[in-house]
Amino acid sequence: MFEVMVRLTFSAAHRVEDYPGNCERLHGHNWTVEIFVRKRKLDSLGMVVDFRKLKEIAKKTVSKLDHSYLNELPEFKKKNPTAENIAKFIFDRVSKEIKLSKVSVYESEGTVATYCGSGK
């Protein structure tokens, strides 16, 4: 099994509504996103997927989050823009163009949430 990953970053503000602490207040992060594709066999060039193509597809979604107040985006009007929900949002959007194995979202260097899909 082969797996490749591209890493992107974005800056955005959010708040976690009803959180019993500081995270309920408006604050921001410099988020890091890792997007993974896994395949059993390589293509004729010896690649899982062209890194440039994967990054190009991923940037379309991640750029919509950059320099935004995440709570105001339609996707997060009814759920908190936590790292977990952001990972699922990115996975679902990018998976429409390329099959992903998982998406990891880092709020900071030591905190990460990963969404692996429904397993279909």
C-alpha atoms as a PDB file:
ATOM      1  CA  MET A   1       0.000   0.000   0.000  1.00  0.00           C
ATOM      2  CA  PHE A   2       1.252   3.476  -0.892  1.00  0.00           C
ATOM      3  CA  GLU A   3       0.140   6.737   0.680  1.00  0.00           C
ATOM      4  CA  VAL A   4       1.032  10.318  -0.219  1.00  0.00           C
ATOM      5  CA  MET A   5       0.247  13.556   1.566  1.00  0.00           C
ATOM      6  CA  VAL A   6       0.204  17.266   0.791  1.00  0.00           C
ATOM      7  CA  ARG A   7       0.320  19.912   3.501  1.00  0.00           C
ATOM      8  CA  LEU A   8      -1.424  23.284   3.265  1.00  0.00           C
ATOM      9  CA  THR A   9      -1.956  26.075   5.763  1.00  0.00           C
ATOM     10  CA  PHE A  10      -4.581  28.711   6.370  1.00  0.00           C
ATOM     11  CA  SER A  11      -5.304  31.341   8.989  1.00  0.00           C
ATOM     12  CA  ALA A  12      -8.792  31.764  10.383  1.00  0.00           C
ATOM     13  CA  ALA A  13     -10.741  32.775  13.455  1.00  0.00           C
ATOM     14  CA  HIS A  14     -13.441  30.790  15.219  1.00  0.00           C
ATOM     15  CA  ARG A  15     -15.160  30.249  18.496  1.00  0.00           C
ATOM     16  CA  VAL A  16     -16.496  27.040  20.008  1.00  0.00           C
ATOM     17  CA  GLU A  17     -20.001  27.879  21.158  1.00  0.00           C
ATOM     18  CA  ASP A  18     -21.027  26.549  24.576  1.00  0.00           C
ATOM     19  CA  TYR A  19     -17.432  25.530  25.383  1.00  0.00           C
ATOM     20  CA  PRO A  20     -16.812  25.872  29.133  1.00  0.00           C
ATOM     21  CA  GLY A  21     -13.634  27.940  28.832  1.00  0.00           C
ATOM     22  CA  ASN A  22     -11.540  30.319  26.747  1.00  0.00           C
ATOM     23  CA  CYS A  23     -12.318  28.620  23.420  1.00  0.00           C
ATOM     24  CA  GLU A  24     -15.835  30.040  23.543  1.00  0.00           C
ATOM     25  CA  ARG A  25     -14.321  33.483  22.930  1.00  0.00           C
ATOM     26  CA  LEU A  26     -13.298  34.593  19.461  1.00  0.00           C
ATOM     27  CA  HIS A  27      -9.727  33.522  18.709  1.00  0.00           C
ATOM     28  CA  GLY A  28      -7.647  32.436  15.749  1.00  0.00           C
ATOM     29  CA  HIS A  29      -5.203  29.797  14.612  1.00  0.00           C
ATOM     30  CA  ASN A  30      -2.690  29.241  11.900  1.00  0.00           C
ATOM     31  CA  TRP A  31      -4.138  25.893  10.849  1.00  0.00           C
ATOM     32  CA  THR A  32      -2.195  23.145   9.071  1.00  0.00           C
ATOM     33  CA  VAL A  33      -4.037  20.654   6.882  1.00  0.00           C
ATOM     34  CA  GLU A  34      -2.643  17.312   5.693  1.00  0.00           C
ATOM     35  CA  ILE A  35      -4.508  15.549   2.899  1.00  0.00           C
ATOM     36  CA  PHE A  36      -3.761  11.882   2.199  1.00  0.00           C
ATOM     37  CA  VAL A  37      -4.385   9.599  -0.787  1.00  0.00           C
ATOM     38  CA  ARG A  38      -3.750   5.853  -0.546  1.00  0.00           C
ATOM     39  CA  LYS A  39      -3.543   3.288  -3.352  1.00  0.00           C
ATOM     40  CA  ARG A  40      -2.411  -0.292  -3.748  1.00  0.00           C
ATOM     41  CA  LYS A  41      -0.783   0.268  -7.122  1.00  0.00           C
ATOM     42  CA  LEU A  42       1.147   3.120  -8.665  1.00  0.00           C
ATOM     43  CA  ASP A  43       0.203   4.665 -11.994  1.00  0.00           C
ATOM     44  CA  SER A  44       2.338   4.310 -15.135  1.00  0.00           C
ATOM     45  CA  LEU A  45       4.639   7.106 -13.902  1.00  0.00           C
ATOM     46  CA  GLY A  46       5.209   5.383 -10.574  1.00  0.00           C
ATOM     47  CA  MET A  47       2.949   7.757  -8.594  1.00  0.00           C
ATOM     48  CA  VAL A  48      -0.095   7.431  -6.350  1.00  0.00           C
ATOM     49  CA  VAL A  49      -1.183  10.861  -7.596  1.00  0.00           C
ATOM     50  CA  ASP A  50       0.726  13.863  -8.873  1.00  0.00           C
ATOM     51  CA  PHE A  51       1.467  16.055  -5.823  1.00  0.00           C
ATOM     52  CA  ARG A  52       0.790  19.163  -7.914  1.00  0.00           C
ATOM     53  CA  LYS A  53      -2.655  17.898  -8.922  1.00  0.00           C
ATOM     54  CA  LEU A  54      -3.572  16.925  -5.351  1.00  0.00           C
ATOM     55  CA  LYS A  55      -2.418  20.276  -3.972  1.00  0.00           C
ATOM     56  CA  GLU A  56      -4.314  22.157  -6.691  1.00  0.00           C
ATOM     57  CA  ILE A  57      -7.550  20.317  -5.871  1.00  0.00           C
ATOM     58  CA  ALA A  58      -7.078  20.780  -2.119  1.00  0.00           C
ATOM     59  CA  LYS A  59      -6.287  24.502  -2.410  1.00  0.00           C
ATOM     60  CA  LYS A  60      -9.736  25.169  -3.875  1.00  0.00           C
ATOM     61  CA  THR A  61     -11.336  24.115  -0.594  1.00  0.00           C
ATOM     62  CA  VAL A  62      -8.706  25.324   1.872  1.00  0.00           C
ATOM     63  CA  SER A  63      -8.569  28.784   0.277  1.00  0.00           C
ATOM     64  CA  LYS A  64     -12.281  29.233   1.122  1.00  0.00           C
ATOM     65  CA  LEU A  65     -11.356  28.932   4.808  1.00  0.00           C
ATOM     66  CA  ASP A  66      -8.328  31.231   4.726  1.00  0.00           C
ATOM     67  CA  HIS A  67      -8.678  34.586   6.516  1.00  0.00           C
ATOM     68  CA  SER A  68     -12.289  33.933   7.424  1.00  0.00           C
ATOM     69  CA  TYR A  69     -14.390  33.815  10.553  1.00  0.00           C
ATOM     70  CA  LEU A  70     -15.293  30.127  10.315  1.00  0.00           C
ATOM     71  CA  ASN A  71     -18.489  30.396  12.377  1.00  0.00           C
ATOM     72  CA  GLU A  72     -19.980  32.668   9.692  1.00  0.00           C
ATOM     73  CA  LEU A  73     -19.462  30.187   6.846  1.00  0.00           C
ATOM     74  CA  PRO A  74     -22.645  28.327   5.781  1.00  0.00           C
ATOM     75  CA  GLU A  75     -20.989  24.960   6.506  1.00  0.00           C
ATOM     76  CA  PHE A  76     -20.514  25.885  10.166  1.00  0.00           C
ATOM     77  CA  LYS A  77     -23.730  27.755  10.905  1.00  0.00           C
ATOM     78  CA  LYS A  78     -25.234  24.697  12.653  1.00  0.00           C
ATOM     79  CA  LYS A  79     -22.080  23.066  14.025  1.00  0.00           C
ATOM     80  CA  ASN A  80     -18.950  24.303  15.712  1.00  0.00           C
ATOM     81  CA  PRO A  81     -15.918  24.790  13.472  1.00  0.00           C
ATOM     82  CA  THR A  82     -13.757  22.463  15.542  1.00  0.00           C
ATOM     83  CA  ALA A  83     -10.683  20.795  14.067  1.00  0.00           C
ATOM     84  CA  GLU A  84     -12.748  17.608  13.783  1.00  0.00           C
ATOM     85  CA  ASN A  85     -15.548  19.280  11.816  1.00  0.00           C
ATOM     86  CA  ILE A  86     -13.077  21.172   9.635  1.00  0.00           C
ATOM     87  CA  ALA A  87     -11.296  17.895   8.791  1.00  0.00           C
ATOM     88  CA  LYS A  88     -14.598  16.307   7.745  1.00  0.00           C
ATOM     89  CA  PHE A  89     -15.596  19.391   5.731  1.00  0.00           C
ATOM     90  CA  ILE A  90     -12.296  19.331   3.807  1.00  0.00           C
ATOM     91  CA  PHE A  91     -12.469  15.556   3.328  1.00  0.00           C
ATOM     92  CA  ASP A  92     -16.013  15.715   1.943  1.00  0.00           C
ATOM     93  CA  ARG A  93     -15.265  18.610  -0.443  1.00  0.00           C
ATOM     94  CA  VAL A  94     -11.933  17.334  -1.786  1.00  0.00           C
ATOM     95  CA  SER A  95     -13.255  13.758  -2.078  1.00  0.00           C
ATOM     96  CA  LYS A  96     -15.672  14.971  -4.739  1.00  0.00           C
ATOM     97  CA  GLU A  97     -12.661  15.279  -7.066  1.00  0.00           C
ATOM     98  CA  ILE A  98     -10.207  12.670  -5.801  1.00  0.00           C
ATOM     99  CA  LYS A  99     -10.557   9.694  -3.459  1.00  0.00           C
ATOM    100  CA  LEU A 100      -8.897  10.457  -0.123  1.00  0.00           C
ATOM    101  CA  SER A 101      -7.823   8.173   2.695  1.00  0.00           C
ATOM    102  CA  LYS A 102      -7.875  10.840   5.415  1.00  0.00           C
ATOM    103  CA  VAL A 103      -7.535  14.512   6.301  1.00  0.00           C
ATOM    104  CA  SER A 104      -5.738  15.817   9.388  1.00  0.00           C
ATOM    105  CA  VAL A 105      -6.213  19.339  10.729  1.00  0.00           C
ATOM    106  CA  TYR A 106      -3.818  20.888  13.251  1.00  0.00           C
ATOM    107  CA  GLU A 107      -4.937  23.822  15.410  1.00  0.00           C
ATOM    108  CA  SER A 108      -1.409  24.047  16.746  1.00  0.00           C
ATOM    109  CA  GLU A 109       1.777  22.016  16.553  1.00  0.00           C
ATOM    110  CA  GLY A 110       0.661  19.587  19.245  1.00  0.00           C
ATOM    111  CA  THR A 111      -3.057  19.239  18.526  1.00  0.00           C
ATOM    112  CA  VAL A 112      -4.517  17.359  15.585  1.00  0.00           C
ATOM    113  CA  ALA A 113      -7.872  15.910  14.505  1.00  0.00           C
ATOM    114  CA  THR A 114      -8.152  13.357  11.690  1.00  0.00           C
ATOM    115  CA  TYR A 115     -11.163  12.302   9.637  1.00  0.00           C
ATOM    116  CA  CYS A 116     -10.912   9.038   7.699  1.00  0.00           C
ATOM    117  CA  GLY A 117     -14.248   8.948   5.924  1.00  0.00           C
ATOM    118  CA  SER A 118     -17.061   6.494   6.252  1.00  0.00           C
ATOM    119  CA  GLY A 119     -14.983   3.513   5.207  1.00  0.00           C
ATOM    120  CA  LYS A 120     -16.933   2.861   2.005  1.00  0.00           C
END
